[in-house]
Amino acid sequence: MAQVRERMTRTLAEEFSPSHLEVIDESHLHAGHAGARPEGETHFRVRITAEAFRGKTRLERHRMVNAAVARELAGPVHALAITAEAPA
C-alpha cells in the first residue's frame, strides 16, 4: 500500500469507524492529465459506509470526507471521487 493511500485509509478509519472502506488509487487512469505525477498517488476513489453519514445529504457526506482528508487534498491528491453512505 502506498504512503498517501495508507494515510487516507488510516484517517478515514479513525474519523468514521466505517463498516466498509475502500481507498483506491486510480492515478494510472489519469496519466498525462492535469495534476498527474509519474509516481502516481494523485487521483483516488473512496467508497465508505459509516453510521456517521446517517441522515446526512450527499453534499454533507462529501464535505465530511473532504474535511477528514484535507491535508492530502491540499498536497499530493489532485482528485477524489467519493461514494459515502450510511449502512442499510
N, C-alpha and C. Protein backbone atom coordinates (compact mmCIF):
# COMPACT_ATOMS: atom_id res chain seq x y z
N MET A 1 0.85 -1.18 0.00
CA MET A 1 0.00 0.00 0.00
C MET A 1 0.89 1.24 0.00
N ALA A 2 0.56 2.21 -0.79
CA ALA A 2 1.38 3.40 -0.93
C ALA A 2 1.15 4.37 0.23
N GLN A 3 2.06 5.31 0.38
CA GLN A 3 2.06 6.22 1.52
C GLN A 3 0.80 7.09 1.62
N VAL A 4 0.40 7.76 0.55
CA VAL A 4 -0.78 8.62 0.59
C VAL A 4 -2.03 7.78 0.83
N ARG A 5 -2.13 6.68 0.15
CA ARG A 5 -3.28 5.79 0.33
C ARG A 5 -3.37 5.29 1.77
N GLU A 6 -2.24 4.92 2.34
CA GLU A 6 -2.20 4.46 3.73
C GLU A 6 -2.70 5.54 4.68
N ARG A 7 -2.21 6.75 4.48
CA ARG A 7 -2.59 7.87 5.33
C ARG A 7 -4.09 8.14 5.23
N MET A 8 -4.61 8.16 4.02
CA MET A 8 -6.03 8.41 3.83
C MET A 8 -6.87 7.30 4.46
N THR A 9 -6.46 6.06 4.28
CA THR A 9 -7.18 4.92 4.84
C THR A 9 -7.20 5.01 6.36
N ARG A 10 -6.06 5.27 6.96
CA ARG A 10 -5.96 5.37 8.41
C ARG A 10 -6.83 6.53 8.93
N THR A 11 -6.74 7.69 8.28
CA THR A 11 -7.50 8.86 8.71
C THR A 11 -9.00 8.61 8.64
N LEU A 12 -9.48 8.06 7.53
CA LEU A 12 -10.91 7.80 7.37
C LEU A 12 -11.40 6.74 8.35
N ALA A 13 -10.58 5.73 8.59
CA ALA A 13 -10.95 4.68 9.55
C ALA A 13 -11.07 5.26 10.96
N GLU A 14 -10.13 6.11 11.34
CA GLU A 14 -10.15 6.71 12.67
C GLU A 14 -11.31 7.70 12.82
N GLU A 15 -11.57 8.47 11.79
CA GLU A 15 -12.60 9.51 11.83
C GLU A 15 -14.02 8.94 11.84
N PHE A 16 -14.26 7.88 11.04
CA PHE A 16 -15.63 7.42 10.83
C PHE A 16 -15.93 6.00 11.32
N SER A 17 -14.94 5.23 11.72
CA SER A 17 -15.15 3.83 12.12
C SER A 17 -16.08 3.13 11.13
N PRO A 18 -15.73 3.11 9.86
CA PRO A 18 -16.64 2.59 8.84
C PRO A 18 -16.82 1.08 8.91
N SER A 19 -17.99 0.64 8.44
CA SER A 19 -18.22 -0.79 8.29
C SER A 19 -17.64 -1.28 6.97
N HIS A 20 -17.42 -0.35 6.04
CA HIS A 20 -16.79 -0.67 4.76
C HIS A 20 -15.96 0.54 4.34
N LEU A 21 -14.73 0.27 3.87
CA LEU A 21 -13.85 1.35 3.41
C LEU A 21 -12.93 0.83 2.33
N GLU A 22 -12.94 1.51 1.21
CA GLU A 22 -12.00 1.26 0.12
C GLU A 22 -11.39 2.59 -0.28
N VAL A 23 -10.07 2.63 -0.36
CA VAL A 23 -9.36 3.79 -0.89
C VAL A 23 -8.56 3.26 -2.07
N ILE A 24 -8.97 3.65 -3.26
CA ILE A 24 -8.43 3.09 -4.49
C ILE A 24 -7.62 4.14 -5.23
N ASP A 25 -6.38 3.83 -5.51
CA ASP A 25 -5.52 4.74 -6.29
C ASP A 25 -5.82 4.52 -7.77
N GLU A 26 -6.42 5.51 -8.39
CA GLU A 26 -6.77 5.45 -9.82
C GLU A 26 -5.85 6.33 -10.66
N SER A 27 -4.70 6.68 -10.12
CA SER A 27 -3.77 7.59 -10.80
C SER A 27 -3.36 7.08 -12.17
N HIS A 28 -3.20 5.78 -12.30
CA HIS A 28 -2.78 5.22 -13.59
C HIS A 28 -3.79 5.51 -14.70
N LEU A 29 -5.05 5.74 -14.34
CA LEU A 29 -6.08 6.03 -15.33
C LEU A 29 -6.00 7.47 -15.82
N HIS A 30 -5.20 8.29 -15.15
CA HIS A 30 -5.14 9.72 -15.46
C HIS A 30 -3.75 10.16 -15.90
N ALA A 31 -2.90 9.22 -16.27
CA ALA A 31 -1.55 9.56 -16.73
C ALA A 31 -1.62 10.56 -17.87
N GLY A 32 -0.85 11.63 -17.75
CA GLY A 32 -0.83 12.66 -18.79
C GLY A 32 -1.88 13.74 -18.59
N HIS A 33 -2.80 13.55 -17.65
CA HIS A 33 -3.84 14.55 -17.38
C HIS A 33 -3.33 15.58 -16.39
N ALA A 34 -4.06 16.66 -16.24
CA ALA A 34 -3.71 17.70 -15.29
C ALA A 34 -3.61 17.12 -13.88
N GLY A 35 -2.56 17.52 -13.18
CA GLY A 35 -2.38 17.09 -11.80
C GLY A 35 -1.74 15.73 -11.63
N ALA A 36 -1.59 14.98 -12.70
CA ALA A 36 -0.99 13.63 -12.61
C ALA A 36 0.53 13.76 -12.47
N ARG A 37 1.10 12.90 -11.64
CA ARG A 37 2.55 12.83 -11.49
C ARG A 37 2.99 11.43 -11.88
N PRO A 38 4.18 11.30 -12.40
CA PRO A 38 4.66 9.98 -12.82
C PRO A 38 4.65 8.93 -11.71
N GLU A 39 4.88 9.36 -10.48
CA GLU A 39 4.92 8.42 -9.36
C GLU A 39 3.52 8.05 -8.85
N GLY A 40 2.49 8.69 -9.39
CA GLY A 40 1.12 8.34 -9.01
C GLY A 40 0.68 9.02 -7.73
N GLU A 41 -0.30 8.41 -7.08
CA GLU A 41 -0.89 8.90 -5.84
C GLU A 41 -1.45 10.32 -5.99
N THR A 42 -2.17 10.55 -7.07
CA THR A 42 -2.77 11.86 -7.32
C THR A 42 -4.28 11.79 -7.47
N HIS A 43 -4.80 10.67 -7.93
CA HIS A 43 -6.23 10.50 -8.20
C HIS A 43 -6.75 9.28 -7.43
N PHE A 44 -7.74 9.51 -6.56
CA PHE A 44 -8.25 8.44 -5.72
C PHE A 44 -9.76 8.35 -5.78
N ARG A 45 -10.25 7.17 -5.45
CA ARG A 45 -11.69 6.92 -5.28
C ARG A 45 -11.87 6.35 -3.88
N VAL A 46 -12.81 6.91 -3.13
CA VAL A 46 -13.13 6.44 -1.78
C VAL A 46 -14.55 5.91 -1.79
N ARG A 47 -14.71 4.71 -1.28
CA ARG A 47 -16.03 4.12 -1.04
C ARG A 47 -16.09 3.82 0.45
N ILE A 48 -17.02 4.48 1.12
CA ILE A 48 -17.07 4.36 2.58
C ILE A 48 -18.52 4.26 3.05
N THR A 49 -18.74 3.35 3.99
CA THR A 49 -20.05 3.19 4.63
C THR A 49 -19.83 3.35 6.12
N ALA A 50 -20.55 4.32 6.70
CA ALA A 50 -20.38 4.58 8.13
C ALA A 50 -21.65 5.16 8.72
N GLU A 51 -21.88 4.85 9.97
CA GLU A 51 -23.05 5.34 10.69
C GLU A 51 -23.05 6.87 10.76
N ALA A 52 -21.88 7.48 10.75
CA ALA A 52 -21.75 8.94 10.83
C ALA A 52 -22.48 9.65 9.69
N PHE A 53 -22.74 8.95 8.60
CA PHE A 53 -23.39 9.55 7.45
C PHE A 53 -24.92 9.46 7.50
N ARG A 54 -25.46 8.76 8.48
CA ARG A 54 -26.91 8.59 8.55
C ARG A 54 -27.59 9.95 8.70
N GLY A 55 -28.60 10.19 7.88
CA GLY A 55 -29.35 11.43 7.93
C GLY A 55 -28.69 12.61 7.26
N LYS A 56 -27.54 12.41 6.68
CA LYS A 56 -26.80 13.49 6.01
C LYS A 56 -27.11 13.46 4.51
N THR A 57 -27.09 14.63 3.90
CA THR A 57 -27.26 14.70 2.45
C THR A 57 -25.97 14.25 1.78
N ARG A 58 -26.06 14.00 0.50
CA ARG A 58 -24.86 13.60 -0.25
C ARG A 58 -23.78 14.67 -0.13
N LEU A 59 -24.16 15.93 -0.24
CA LEU A 59 -23.20 17.03 -0.13
C LEU A 59 -22.55 17.05 1.26
N GLU A 60 -23.35 16.86 2.29
CA GLU A 60 -22.80 16.84 3.65
C GLU A 60 -21.82 15.68 3.84
N ARG A 61 -22.15 14.52 3.31
CA ARG A 61 -21.25 13.35 3.42
C ARG A 61 -19.94 13.63 2.71
N HIS A 62 -20.00 14.21 1.52
CA HIS A 62 -18.79 14.52 0.76
C HIS A 62 -17.95 15.55 1.51
N ARG A 63 -18.60 16.54 2.08
CA ARG A 63 -17.85 17.56 2.84
C ARG A 63 -17.16 16.94 4.05
N MET A 64 -17.82 15.99 4.70
CA MET A 64 -17.23 15.32 5.85
C MET A 64 -15.96 14.54 5.44
N VAL A 65 -16.05 13.83 4.34
CA VAL A 65 -14.89 13.08 3.85
C VAL A 65 -13.78 14.04 3.44
N ASN A 66 -14.12 15.08 2.68
CA ASN A 66 -13.12 16.07 2.25
C ASN A 66 -12.43 16.71 3.45
N ALA A 67 -13.20 17.04 4.49
CA ALA A 67 -12.61 17.65 5.69
C ALA A 67 -11.63 16.69 6.37
N ALA A 68 -11.99 15.42 6.40
CA ALA A 68 -11.13 14.42 7.06
C ALA A 68 -9.79 14.26 6.35
N VAL A 69 -9.79 14.37 5.03
CA VAL A 69 -8.55 14.17 4.27
C VAL A 69 -8.04 15.49 3.68
N ALA A 70 -8.36 16.60 4.34
CA ALA A 70 -7.97 17.94 3.85
C ALA A 70 -6.46 18.06 3.64
N ARG A 71 -5.68 17.44 4.50
CA ARG A 71 -4.22 17.50 4.37
C ARG A 71 -3.76 16.93 3.03
N GLU A 72 -4.32 15.80 2.66
CA GLU A 72 -3.93 15.18 1.39
C GLU A 72 -4.46 15.98 0.20
N LEU A 73 -5.67 16.53 0.33
CA LEU A 73 -6.24 17.32 -0.76
C LEU A 73 -5.47 18.62 -0.97
N ALA A 74 -4.84 19.13 0.07
CA ALA A 74 -4.05 20.35 -0.04
C ALA A 74 -2.67 20.08 -0.63
N GLY A 75 -2.30 18.82 -0.70
CA GLY A 75 -0.96 18.50 -1.18
C GLY A 75 -0.96 17.55 -2.35
N PRO A 76 -0.69 16.28 -2.09
CA PRO A 76 -0.45 15.35 -3.19
C PRO A 76 -1.67 14.93 -3.99
N VAL A 77 -2.87 14.99 -3.41
CA VAL A 77 -4.06 14.48 -4.10
C VAL A 77 -4.66 15.57 -4.99
N HIS A 78 -4.79 15.26 -6.26
CA HIS A 78 -5.36 16.20 -7.23
C HIS A 78 -6.87 16.02 -7.37
N ALA A 79 -7.35 14.77 -7.28
CA ALA A 79 -8.78 14.49 -7.49
C ALA A 79 -9.21 13.36 -6.56
N LEU A 80 -10.45 13.50 -6.05
CA LEU A 80 -11.00 12.50 -5.16
C LEU A 80 -12.47 12.26 -5.51
N ALA A 81 -12.78 11.04 -5.91
CA ALA A 81 -14.17 10.65 -6.17
C ALA A 81 -14.67 9.95 -4.92
N ILE A 82 -15.88 10.30 -4.47
CA ILE A 82 -16.38 9.81 -3.19
C ILE A 82 -17.76 9.17 -3.35
N THR A 83 -17.88 7.98 -2.76
CA THR A 83 -19.18 7.36 -2.54
C THR A 83 -19.25 7.13 -1.04
N ALA A 84 -20.11 7.90 -0.35
CA ALA A 84 -20.24 7.82 1.10
C ALA A 84 -21.70 7.56 1.44
N GLU A 85 -21.92 6.48 2.21
CA GLU A 85 -23.28 6.07 2.53
C GLU A 85 -23.38 5.63 3.98
N ALA A 86 -24.60 5.67 4.51
CA ALA A 86 -24.89 5.08 5.81
C ALA A 86 -25.20 3.60 5.59
N PRO A 87 -24.99 2.78 6.61
CA PRO A 87 -25.33 1.36 6.48
C PRO A 87 -26.82 1.18 6.15
N ALA A 88 -27.13 0.13 5.41
CA ALA A 88 -28.53 -0.14 5.04
C ALA A 88 -29.33 -0.57 6.24
